[in-house]
C-alpha atoms as a PDB file:
ATOM      1  CA  UNK A   1     -23.265   0.629 178.730  1.00  0.00           C
ATOM      2  CA  UNK A   2     -22.676   4.242 179.751  1.00  0.00           C
ATOM      3  CA  UNK A   3     -20.974   5.072 183.052  1.00  0.00           C
ATOM      4  CA  UNK A   4     -20.747   8.775 183.877  1.00  0.00           C
ATOM      5  CA  UNK A   5     -21.748  10.862 186.897  1.00  0.00           C
ATOM      6  CA  UNK A   6     -23.068  13.725 184.748  1.00  0.00           C
ATOM      7  CA  UNK A   7     -26.792  13.063 184.067  1.00  0.00           C
ATOM      8  CA  UNK A   8     -26.939  15.363 181.016  1.00  0.00           C
ATOM      9  CA  UNK A   9     -24.093  13.489 179.331  1.00  0.00           C
ATOM     10  CA  UNK A  10     -25.668  10.137 180.145  1.00  0.00           C
ATOM     11  CA  UNK A  11     -29.025  11.220 178.709  1.00  0.00           C
ATOM     12  CA  UNK A  12     -27.438  12.656 175.553  1.00  0.00           C
ATOM     13  CA  UNK A  13     -25.351   9.548 174.919  1.00  0.00           C
ATOM     14  CA  UNK A  14     -28.273   7.244 175.682  1.00  0.00           C
ATOM     15  CA  UNK A  15     -30.424   9.089 173.153  1.00  0.00           C
ATOM     16  CA  UNK A  16     -27.705   9.045 170.493  1.00  0.00           C
ATOM     17  CA  UNK A  17     -27.016   5.336 170.874  1.00  0.00           C
ATOM     18  CA  UNK A  18     -30.653   4.278 171.103  1.00  0.00           C
ATOM     19  CA  UNK A  19     -31.292   6.209 167.869  1.00  0.00           C
ATOM     20  CA  UNK A  20     -28.615   3.949 166.340  1.00  0.00           C
ATOM     21  CA  UNK A  21     -30.497   0.878 167.556  1.00  0.00           C
ATOM     22  CA  UNK A  22     -28.341   0.015 170.573  1.00  0.00           C
ATOM     23  CA  UNK A  23     -29.716  -1.287 173.864  1.00  0.00           C
ATOM     24  CA  UNK A  24     -28.217   1.048 176.484  1.00  0.00           C
ATOM     25  CA  UNK A  25     -27.715   0.534 180.225  1.00  0.00           C
ATOM     26  CA  UNK A  26     -26.720   3.593 182.275  1.00  0.00           C
ATOM     27  CA  UNK A  27     -24.907   3.907 185.578  1.00  0.00           C
ATOM     28  CA  UNK A  28     -23.720   7.004 187.416  1.00  0.00           C
ATOM     29  CA  UNK A  29     -20.716   5.747 189.398  1.00  0.00           C
ATOM     30  CA  UNK A  30     -17.967   3.168 189.169  1.00  0.00           C
ATOM     31  CA  UNK A  31     -19.165   0.983 192.037  1.00  0.00           C
ATOM     32  CA  UNK A  32     -22.638   0.512 190.540  1.00  0.00           C
ATOM     33  CA  UNK A  33     -21.103  -0.210 187.145  1.00  0.00           C
ATOM     34  CA  UNK A  34     -18.936  -2.954 188.647  1.00  0.00           C
ATOM     35  CA  UNK A  35     -21.960  -4.418 190.458  1.00  0.00           C
ATOM     36  CA  UNK A  36     -23.903  -4.653 187.195  1.00  0.00           C
ATOM     37  CA  UNK A  37     -21.414  -5.201 184.395  1.00  0.00           C
ATOM     38  CA  UNK A  38     -21.300  -8.994 184.766  1.00  0.00           C
ATOM     39  CA  UNK A  39     -25.112  -9.138 184.665  1.00  0.00           C
ATOM     40  CA  UNK A  40     -25.338  -6.984 181.541  1.00  0.00           C
ATOM     41  CA  UNK A  41     -22.142  -8.173 179.746  1.00  0.00           C
ATOM     42  CA  UNK A  42     -22.068  -5.178 177.398  1.00  0.00           C
ATOM     43  CA  UNK A  43     -20.386  -5.195 174.018  1.00  0.00           C
ATOM     44  CA  UNK A  44     -19.020  -1.736 174.773  1.00  0.00           C
ATOM     45  CA  UNK A  45     -18.733   0.645 177.715  1.00  0.00           C
ATOM     46  CA  UNK A  46     -18.442   4.414 177.439  1.00  0.00           C
ATOM     47  CA  UNK A  47     -16.670   5.249 180.669  1.00  0.00           C
ATOM     48  CA  UNK A  48     -15.905   8.505 182.464  1.00  0.00           C
ATOM     49  CA  UNK A  49     -12.759   8.706 184.600  1.00  0.00           C
ATOM     50  CA  UNK A  50     -13.712  11.075 187.432  1.00  0.00           C
ATOM     51  CA  UNK A  51     -16.733   9.657 189.272  1.00  0.00           C
ATOM     52  CA  UNK A  52     -17.858   8.960 192.828  1.00  0.00           C
ATOM     53  CA  UNK A  53     -16.592   5.674 194.232  1.00  0.00           C
ATOM     54  CA  UNK A  54     -14.269   3.814 191.904  1.00  0.00           C
ATOM     55  CA  UNK A  55     -12.847   5.924 189.101  1.00  0.00           C
ATOM     56  CA  UNK A  56     -13.009   4.868 185.469  1.00  0.00           C
ATOM     57  CA  UNK A  57      -9.445   3.568 185.377  1.00  0.00           C
ATOM     58  CA  UNK A  58     -10.256   1.202 188.265  1.00  0.00           C
ATOM     59  CA  UNK A  59     -13.468   0.084 186.566  1.00  0.00           C
ATOM     60  CA  UNK A  60     -11.586  -0.632 183.329  1.00  0.00           C
ATOM     61  CA  UNK A  61      -8.935  -2.655 185.153  1.00  0.00           C
ATOM     62  CA  UNK A  62     -11.669  -4.639 186.910  1.00  0.00           C
ATOM     63  CA  UNK A  63     -13.353  -5.392 183.580  1.00  0.00           C
ATOM     64  CA  UNK A  64     -10.074  -6.481 181.997  1.00  0.00           C
ATOM     65  CA  UNK A  65      -9.574  -8.974 184.841  1.00  0.00           C
ATOM     66  CA  UNK A  66     -12.943 -10.697 184.264  1.00  0.00           C
ATOM     67  CA  UNK A  67     -12.786 -13.502 181.695  1.00  0.00           C
ATOM     68  CA  UNK A  68     -16.532 -13.200 181.054  1.00  0.00           C
ATOM     69  CA  UNK A  69     -15.949  -9.597 179.897  1.00  0.00           C
ATOM     70  CA  UNK A  70     -12.895 -10.163 177.709  1.00  0.00           C
ATOM     71  CA  UNK A  71     -14.788  -9.085 174.589  1.00  0.00           C
ATOM     72  CA  UNK A  72     -16.200  -5.897 176.135  1.00  0.00           C
ATOM     73  CA  UNK A  73     -14.717  -2.816 174.479  1.00  0.00           C
ATOM     74  CA  UNK A  74     -14.022   0.347 176.482  1.00  0.00           C
ATOM     75  CA  UNK A  75     -14.127   3.959 175.325  1.00  0.00           C
ATOM     76  CA  UNK A  76     -13.033   6.538 177.857  1.00  0.00           C
ATOM     77  CA  UNK A  77     -15.007   9.775 177.564  1.00  0.00           C
ATOM     78  CA  UNK A  78     -13.574  12.221 180.065  1.00  0.00           C
ATOM     79  CA  UNK A  79     -12.436  15.751 180.791  1.00  0.00           C
ATOM     80  CA  UNK A  80      -9.013  14.394 181.780  1.00  0.00           C
ATOM     81  CA  UNK A  81      -7.041  15.091 178.650  1.00  0.00           C
ATOM     82  CA  UNK A  82      -3.333  15.117 179.471  1.00  0.00           C
ATOM     83  CA  UNK A  83      -0.987  12.733 177.716  1.00  0.00           C
ATOM     84  CA  UNK A  84      -0.466  10.902 181.012  1.00  0.00           C
ATOM     85  CA  UNK A  85      -4.237  10.478 181.444  1.00  0.00           C
ATOM     86  CA  UNK A  86      -4.533   9.030 177.955  1.00  0.00           C
ATOM     87  CA  UNK A  87      -1.631   6.646 178.553  1.00  0.00           C
ATOM     88  CA  UNK A  88      -3.246   5.486 181.793  1.00  0.00           C
ATOM     89  CA  UNK A  89      -6.525   4.982 179.926  1.00  0.00           C
ATOM     90  CA  UNK A  90      -4.956   2.820 177.262  1.00  0.00           C
ATOM     91  CA  UNK A  91      -2.851   0.976 179.860  1.00  0.00           C
ATOM     92  CA  UNK A  92      -6.037   0.120 181.758  1.00  0.00           C
ATOM     93  CA  UNK A  93      -7.473  -1.522 178.660  1.00  0.00           C
ATOM     94  CA  UNK A  94      -9.328   1.077 176.586  1.00  0.00           C
ATOM     95  CA  UNK A  95      -9.774   0.810 172.840  1.00  0.00           C
ATOM     96  CA  UNK A  96     -10.297   4.556 172.558  1.00  0.00           C
ATOM     97  CA  UNK A  97      -9.921   7.745 174.615  1.00  0.00           C
ATOM     98  CA  UNK A  98     -12.052  10.800 173.823  1.00  0.00           C
ATOM     99  CA  UNK A  99     -11.757  14.097 175.690  1.00  0.00           C
ATOM    100  CA  UNK A 100     -14.850  16.144 176.638  1.00  0.00           C
ATOM    101  CA  UNK A 101     -16.388  18.196 175.211  1.00  0.00           C
ATOM    102  CA  UNK A 102     -17.145  15.672 172.506  1.00  0.00           C
ATOM    103  CA  UNK A 103     -18.722  15.640 169.083  1.00  0.00           C
ATOM    104  CA  UNK A 104     -21.871  13.491 168.816  1.00  0.00           C
ATOM    105  CA  UNK A 105     -20.970  12.210 165.356  1.00  0.00           C
ATOM    106  CA  UNK A 106     -17.488  11.231 166.559  1.00  0.00           C
ATOM    107  CA  UNK A 107     -18.911   9.156 169.415  1.00  0.00           C
ATOM    108  CA  UNK A 108     -21.384   7.372 167.151  1.00  0.00           C
ATOM    109  CA  UNK A 109     -18.702   6.731 164.528  1.00  0.00           C
ATOM    110  CA  UNK A 110     -16.275   5.404 167.151  1.00  0.00           C
ATOM    111  CA  UNK A 111     -18.906   3.035 168.586  1.00  0.00           C
ATOM    112  CA  UNK A 112     -19.736   1.737 165.112  1.00  0.00           C
ATOM    113  CA  UNK A 113     -16.045   1.353 164.285  1.00  0.00           C
ATOM    114  CA  UNK A 114     -15.150  -0.543 167.453  1.00  0.00           C
ATOM    115  CA  UNK A 115     -18.177  -2.825 167.189  1.00  0.00           C
ATOM    116  CA  UNK A 116     -17.572  -3.390 163.484  1.00  0.00           C
ATOM    117  CA  UNK A 117     -20.819  -1.893 162.210  1.00  0.00           C
ATOM    118  CA  UNK A 118     -21.073   0.101 159.022  1.00  0.00           C
ATOM    119  CA  UNK A 119     -22.813   3.450 159.285  1.00  0.00           C
END
């Protein structure tokens, strides 16, 4: 699952991950992600922080409080890159925190690593 309010980033990530064989669901704000995450039950969510409605930290905390989503991994992909932002990201339950702009190969490698797939 990809949750980001920037359409170009969503499209780029969707393409990258589908090329790797992943089934990708995309949402453009935190509220819509929360509405759909229990229906989709993704293995992994790439999550922006600054979005309309609920921000990514709130979405992550919501996910971590749902027993049906306990195995869902979270990667923050955001422009918020201060140490405090990263600490808040990890405190809200993320497995990884990547600051934009990002490297395509890094994202793909991180997804494979977290999900336990060999490249």
